């Protein structure tokens, strides 16, 4: 949505514990706590849906509205985390795939200046 040249494989949502539990109940999906924060995953029409809680989730602990940018596509306003907040979150994560995402986001921010 913000100009990255990637093919998405799923939709990721960040929410709080209570909302995540409601979503999991609605879609009869299992809640896991493998990394110290709640997650749930399911599919809708072959599209992967992934919810993570911002509680105890270091890269995504805030609901600060300054981290949200509204993207308009086909007259629909879509809230997205800002590229800068995504960059800061991925810099806290370890692993080669996250290093690649950091580089991609840094390049995208430079391109958009």
N, C-alpha and C. Protein backbone atom coordinates (compact mmCIF):
# COMPACT_ATOMS: atom_id res chain seq x y z
N UNK A 1 0.81 -1.21 0.00
CA UNK A 1 0.00 0.00 0.00
C UNK A 1 0.85 1.26 0.00
N UNK A 2 2.09 1.14 0.48
CA UNK A 2 2.92 2.33 0.61
C UNK A 2 4.05 2.35 -0.41
N UNK A 3 3.93 1.57 -1.46
CA UNK A 3 4.89 1.64 -2.56
C UNK A 3 5.95 0.57 -2.59
N UNK A 4 5.93 -0.36 -1.66
CA UNK A 4 6.92 -1.44 -1.66
C UNK A 4 6.60 -2.43 -2.77
N UNK A 5 7.62 -2.85 -3.47
CA UNK A 5 7.45 -3.80 -4.57
C UNK A 5 7.51 -5.23 -4.03
N UNK A 6 6.43 -5.64 -3.36
CA UNK A 6 6.36 -6.99 -2.79
C UNK A 6 5.00 -7.59 -3.12
N UNK A 7 4.96 -8.90 -3.11
CA UNK A 7 3.69 -9.61 -3.25
C UNK A 7 3.27 -10.07 -1.86
N UNK A 8 2.20 -9.51 -1.33
CA UNK A 8 1.79 -9.92 0.02
C UNK A 8 1.26 -11.35 0.03
N UNK A 9 1.56 -12.05 1.11
CA UNK A 9 1.11 -13.43 1.26
C UNK A 9 0.01 -13.56 2.31
N UNK A 10 -0.13 -12.49 3.11
CA UNK A 10 -1.17 -12.50 4.13
C UNK A 10 -1.46 -11.07 4.53
N UNK A 11 -2.46 -10.92 5.38
CA UNK A 11 -2.80 -9.62 5.95
C UNK A 11 -2.44 -9.66 7.43
N UNK A 12 -1.67 -8.69 7.88
CA UNK A 12 -1.26 -8.62 9.28
C UNK A 12 -1.99 -7.50 9.98
N UNK A 13 -2.48 -7.79 11.18
CA UNK A 13 -3.17 -6.80 12.00
C UNK A 13 -2.54 -6.77 13.38
N UNK A 14 -2.41 -5.58 13.93
CA UNK A 14 -1.90 -5.41 15.29
C UNK A 14 -3.05 -4.88 16.13
N UNK A 15 -3.30 -5.54 17.25
CA UNK A 15 -4.41 -5.16 18.12
C UNK A 15 -4.05 -5.45 19.57
N UNK A 16 -4.99 -5.34 20.47
CA UNK A 16 -4.73 -5.66 21.87
C UNK A 16 -5.22 -7.08 22.18
N UNK A 17 -4.88 -7.56 23.38
CA UNK A 17 -5.25 -8.93 23.76
C UNK A 17 -6.74 -9.19 23.68
N UNK A 18 -7.53 -8.27 24.22
CA UNK A 18 -8.99 -8.47 24.27
C UNK A 18 -9.58 -8.58 22.86
N UNK A 19 -9.17 -7.69 21.97
CA UNK A 19 -9.69 -7.72 20.59
C UNK A 19 -9.22 -8.97 19.86
N UNK A 20 -7.98 -9.36 20.09
CA UNK A 20 -7.46 -10.58 19.45
C UNK A 20 -8.28 -11.80 19.88
N UNK A 21 -8.62 -11.87 21.15
CA UNK A 21 -9.42 -13.00 21.64
C UNK A 21 -10.80 -13.01 21.01
N UNK A 22 -11.38 -11.84 20.79
CA UNK A 22 -12.69 -11.75 20.13
C UNK A 22 -12.61 -12.24 18.69
N UNK A 23 -11.55 -11.82 17.99
CA UNK A 23 -11.37 -12.25 16.59
C UNK A 23 -11.19 -13.76 16.54
N UNK A 24 -10.35 -14.29 17.43
CA UNK A 24 -10.11 -15.73 17.45
C UNK A 24 -11.40 -16.50 17.72
N UNK A 25 -12.23 -15.97 18.59
CA UNK A 25 -13.50 -16.61 18.89
C UNK A 25 -14.43 -16.58 17.67
N UNK A 26 -14.49 -15.44 17.00
CA UNK A 26 -15.34 -15.32 15.82
C UNK A 26 -14.94 -16.28 14.71
N UNK A 27 -13.62 -16.49 14.54
CA UNK A 27 -13.13 -17.33 13.45
C UNK A 27 -12.66 -18.70 13.92
N UNK A 28 -12.96 -19.01 15.19
CA UNK A 28 -12.63 -20.32 15.74
C UNK A 28 -11.17 -20.68 15.48
N UNK A 29 -10.28 -19.72 15.74
CA UNK A 29 -8.85 -19.95 15.50
C UNK A 29 -8.11 -20.07 16.83
N UNK A 30 -7.05 -20.82 16.79
CA UNK A 30 -6.24 -21.08 17.97
C UNK A 30 -5.41 -19.84 18.32
N UNK A 31 -5.31 -19.54 19.60
CA UNK A 31 -4.45 -18.45 20.09
C UNK A 31 -3.16 -19.08 20.58
N UNK A 32 -2.03 -18.54 20.12
CA UNK A 32 -0.73 -19.02 20.57
C UNK A 32 -0.01 -17.89 21.31
N UNK A 33 1.00 -18.30 22.07
CA UNK A 33 1.79 -17.36 22.85
C UNK A 33 3.26 -17.76 22.77
N UNK A 34 3.70 -18.17 21.59
CA UNK A 34 5.04 -18.72 21.39
C UNK A 34 6.15 -17.70 21.66
N UNK A 35 5.90 -16.43 21.39
CA UNK A 35 6.95 -15.42 21.49
C UNK A 35 6.72 -14.46 22.66
N UNK A 36 5.79 -14.78 23.56
CA UNK A 36 5.53 -13.93 24.71
C UNK A 36 4.38 -12.96 24.51
N UNK A 37 3.76 -12.99 23.35
CA UNK A 37 2.58 -12.17 23.08
C UNK A 37 1.59 -13.04 22.30
N UNK A 38 0.33 -12.66 22.35
CA UNK A 38 -0.72 -13.47 21.72
C UNK A 38 -0.74 -13.28 20.21
N UNK A 39 -1.03 -14.37 19.52
CA UNK A 39 -1.20 -14.37 18.06
C UNK A 39 -2.32 -15.32 17.70
N UNK A 40 -2.94 -15.06 16.57
CA UNK A 40 -3.89 -16.02 16.01
C UNK A 40 -3.84 -15.89 14.49
N UNK A 41 -4.03 -17.02 13.81
CA UNK A 41 -3.99 -17.04 12.35
C UNK A 41 -5.14 -17.88 11.82
N UNK A 42 -5.65 -17.47 10.67
CA UNK A 42 -6.71 -18.23 10.00
C UNK A 42 -6.75 -17.77 8.55
N UNK A 43 -7.60 -18.38 7.75
CA UNK A 43 -7.74 -18.01 6.34
C UNK A 43 -9.18 -17.61 6.05
N UNK A 44 -9.30 -16.65 5.16
CA UNK A 44 -10.60 -16.28 4.59
C UNK A 44 -10.43 -16.31 3.09
N UNK A 45 -11.17 -17.17 2.42
CA UNK A 45 -11.08 -17.31 0.96
C UNK A 45 -9.64 -17.44 0.49
N UNK A 46 -8.87 -18.32 1.14
CA UNK A 46 -7.49 -18.64 0.79
C UNK A 46 -6.50 -17.51 1.05
N UNK A 47 -6.91 -16.50 1.79
CA UNK A 47 -6.01 -15.41 2.18
C UNK A 47 -5.66 -15.59 3.65
N UNK A 48 -4.37 -15.64 3.95
CA UNK A 48 -3.93 -15.76 5.32
C UNK A 48 -4.17 -14.48 6.09
N UNK A 49 -4.72 -14.61 7.28
CA UNK A 49 -5.00 -13.49 8.17
C UNK A 49 -4.21 -13.74 9.45
N UNK A 50 -3.44 -12.76 9.87
CA UNK A 50 -2.57 -12.91 11.04
C UNK A 50 -2.78 -11.72 11.98
N UNK A 51 -3.25 -12.00 13.19
CA UNK A 51 -3.42 -10.98 14.21
C UNK A 51 -2.35 -11.18 15.28
N UNK A 52 -1.68 -10.11 15.67
CA UNK A 52 -0.75 -10.15 16.79
C UNK A 52 -1.15 -9.09 17.80
N UNK A 53 -0.91 -9.40 19.06
CA UNK A 53 -1.22 -8.44 20.12
C UNK A 53 -0.05 -7.48 20.30
N UNK A 54 -0.37 -6.25 20.65
CA UNK A 54 0.67 -5.28 20.94
C UNK A 54 1.07 -5.33 22.42
N UNK A 55 0.43 -6.19 23.22
CA UNK A 55 0.78 -6.35 24.62
C UNK A 55 2.00 -7.28 24.73
N UNK A 56 3.04 -6.83 25.42
CA UNK A 56 4.28 -7.60 25.59
C UNK A 56 4.97 -7.91 24.27
N UNK A 57 4.76 -7.09 23.27
CA UNK A 57 5.32 -7.29 21.93
C UNK A 57 6.21 -6.08 21.63
N UNK A 58 7.47 -6.16 22.03
CA UNK A 58 8.39 -5.03 22.01
C UNK A 58 8.34 -4.18 20.74
N UNK A 59 8.42 -4.76 19.55
CA UNK A 59 8.41 -3.88 18.38
C UNK A 59 7.07 -3.18 18.13
N UNK A 60 6.00 -3.70 18.69
CA UNK A 60 4.67 -3.17 18.38
C UNK A 60 3.86 -2.88 19.65
N UNK A 61 4.47 -2.25 20.64
CA UNK A 61 3.79 -2.07 21.93
C UNK A 61 2.86 -0.88 21.98
N UNK A 62 2.92 0.02 21.05
CA UNK A 62 2.16 1.25 21.17
C UNK A 62 0.97 1.30 20.23
N UNK A 63 -0.02 2.05 20.64
CA UNK A 63 -1.14 2.37 19.75
C UNK A 63 -1.09 3.84 19.40
N UNK A 64 0.11 4.40 19.38
CA UNK A 64 0.33 5.82 19.10
C UNK A 64 -0.19 6.17 17.71
N UNK A 65 -1.19 7.05 17.65
CA UNK A 65 -1.76 7.42 16.36
C UNK A 65 -0.77 8.15 15.46
N UNK A 66 0.33 8.65 16.03
CA UNK A 66 1.36 9.28 15.19
C UNK A 66 2.08 8.25 14.33
N UNK A 67 1.94 6.98 14.67
CA UNK A 67 2.57 5.92 13.89
C UNK A 67 1.67 5.44 12.75
N UNK A 68 0.48 6.01 12.66
CA UNK A 68 -0.48 5.55 11.66
C UNK A 68 -0.57 6.55 10.51
N UNK A 69 -0.54 6.02 9.30
CA UNK A 69 -0.80 6.82 8.11
C UNK A 69 -2.03 6.24 7.45
N UNK A 70 -2.86 7.12 6.94
CA UNK A 70 -4.08 6.68 6.26
C UNK A 70 -3.82 6.67 4.76
N UNK A 71 -4.00 5.51 4.16
CA UNK A 71 -3.80 5.33 2.72
C UNK A 71 -5.18 5.21 2.08
N UNK A 72 -5.43 5.98 1.03
CA UNK A 72 -6.71 5.91 0.35
C UNK A 72 -6.55 5.13 -0.94
N UNK A 73 -7.30 4.06 -1.07
CA UNK A 73 -7.33 3.25 -2.29
C UNK A 73 -8.79 3.03 -2.67
N UNK A 74 -9.14 3.46 -3.86
CA UNK A 74 -10.49 3.26 -4.38
C UNK A 74 -11.55 3.76 -3.39
N UNK A 75 -11.32 4.96 -2.86
CA UNK A 75 -12.23 5.62 -1.92
C UNK A 75 -12.39 4.88 -0.59
N UNK A 76 -11.40 4.07 -0.23
CA UNK A 76 -11.40 3.40 1.07
C UNK A 76 -10.17 3.88 1.82
N UNK A 77 -10.38 4.41 3.03
CA UNK A 77 -9.27 4.83 3.87
C UNK A 77 -8.79 3.65 4.70
N UNK A 78 -7.49 3.34 4.58
CA UNK A 78 -6.91 2.17 5.22
C UNK A 78 -5.83 2.64 6.19
N UNK A 79 -5.94 2.31 7.48
CA UNK A 79 -4.88 2.70 8.41
C UNK A 79 -3.68 1.76 8.26
N UNK A 80 -2.50 2.34 8.15
CA UNK A 80 -1.26 1.57 8.05
C UNK A 80 -0.24 2.16 8.99
N UNK A 81 0.62 1.33 9.52
CA UNK A 81 1.74 1.86 10.31
C UNK A 81 2.64 2.65 9.37
N UNK A 82 3.18 3.74 9.86
CA UNK A 82 4.07 4.55 9.03
C UNK A 82 5.31 3.74 8.67
N UNK A 83 5.92 4.08 7.56
CA UNK A 83 7.14 3.38 7.15
C UNK A 83 8.22 3.55 8.22
N UNK A 84 8.31 4.73 8.83
CA UNK A 84 9.32 4.96 9.86
C UNK A 84 9.09 4.05 11.07
N UNK A 85 7.83 3.87 11.49
CA UNK A 85 7.57 2.99 12.63
C UNK A 85 7.82 1.53 12.27
N UNK A 86 7.52 1.15 11.03
CA UNK A 86 7.83 -0.21 10.57
C UNK A 86 9.34 -0.43 10.57
N UNK A 87 10.09 0.57 10.10
CA UNK A 87 11.55 0.47 10.07
C UNK A 87 12.09 0.27 11.49
N UNK A 88 11.62 1.07 12.43
CA UNK A 88 12.08 0.96 13.82
C UNK A 88 11.75 -0.42 14.40
N UNK A 89 10.57 -0.95 14.08
CA UNK A 89 10.18 -2.28 14.58
C UNK A 89 11.08 -3.36 14.00
N UNK A 90 11.32 -3.34 12.69
CA UNK A 90 12.14 -4.38 12.06
C UNK A 90 13.60 -4.30 12.49
N UNK A 91 14.08 -3.12 12.85
CA UNK A 91 15.45 -3.00 13.33
C UNK A 91 15.63 -3.71 14.67
N UNK A 92 14.55 -3.88 15.43
CA UNK A 92 14.60 -4.57 16.73
C UNK A 92 14.56 -6.09 16.57
N UNK A 93 14.21 -6.57 15.39
CA UNK A 93 14.07 -8.00 15.16
C UNK A 93 15.39 -8.57 14.63
N UNK A 94 15.60 -9.86 14.86
CA UNK A 94 16.82 -10.49 14.40
C UNK A 94 16.51 -11.48 13.29
N UNK A 95 17.50 -11.78 12.49
CA UNK A 95 17.33 -12.73 11.40
C UNK A 95 17.54 -12.06 10.05
N UNK A 96 18.00 -12.85 9.10
CA UNK A 96 18.34 -12.33 7.78
C UNK A 96 17.14 -11.73 7.06
N UNK A 97 15.96 -12.36 7.18
CA UNK A 97 14.79 -11.83 6.47
C UNK A 97 14.43 -10.44 6.98
N UNK A 98 14.70 -10.17 8.27
CA UNK A 98 14.40 -8.84 8.81
C UNK A 98 15.42 -7.81 8.33
N UNK A 99 16.67 -8.22 8.16
CA UNK A 99 17.68 -7.31 7.61
C UNK A 99 17.28 -6.87 6.20
N UNK A 100 16.75 -7.81 5.43
CA UNK A 100 16.31 -7.48 4.08
C UNK A 100 15.13 -6.51 4.11
N UNK A 101 14.22 -6.70 5.06
CA UNK A 101 13.08 -5.78 5.18
C UNK A 101 13.54 -4.40 5.60
N UNK A 102 14.53 -4.33 6.51
CA UNK A 102 15.08 -3.04 6.93
C UNK A 102 15.63 -2.30 5.72
N UNK A 103 16.41 -2.98 4.91
CA UNK A 103 17.00 -2.36 3.71
C UNK A 103 15.92 -1.89 2.75
N UNK A 104 14.90 -2.72 2.52
CA UNK A 104 13.81 -2.37 1.61
C UNK A 104 13.08 -1.12 2.09
N UNK A 105 12.79 -1.06 3.40
CA UNK A 105 12.06 0.08 3.94
C UNK A 105 12.92 1.33 3.90
N UNK A 106 14.20 1.20 4.24
CA UNK A 106 15.11 2.36 4.16
C UNK A 106 15.15 2.91 2.74
N UNK A 107 15.26 2.02 1.76
CA UNK A 107 15.27 2.46 0.35
C UNK A 107 13.97 3.13 -0.03
N UNK A 108 12.85 2.60 0.44
CA UNK A 108 11.54 3.17 0.12
C UNK A 108 11.38 4.57 0.75
N UNK A 109 11.85 4.72 1.98
CA UNK A 109 11.78 6.04 2.63
C UNK A 109 12.62 7.05 1.85
N UNK A 110 13.83 6.65 1.44
CA UNK A 110 14.68 7.56 0.65
C UNK A 110 14.02 7.92 -0.68
N UNK A 111 13.40 6.94 -1.31
CA UNK A 111 12.74 7.15 -2.60
C UNK A 111 11.57 8.14 -2.47
N UNK A 112 10.88 8.09 -1.34
CA UNK A 112 9.69 8.92 -1.14
C UNK A 112 9.99 10.33 -0.64
N UNK A 113 11.26 10.61 -0.34
CA UNK A 113 11.61 11.97 0.16
C UNK A 113 11.53 13.00 -0.92
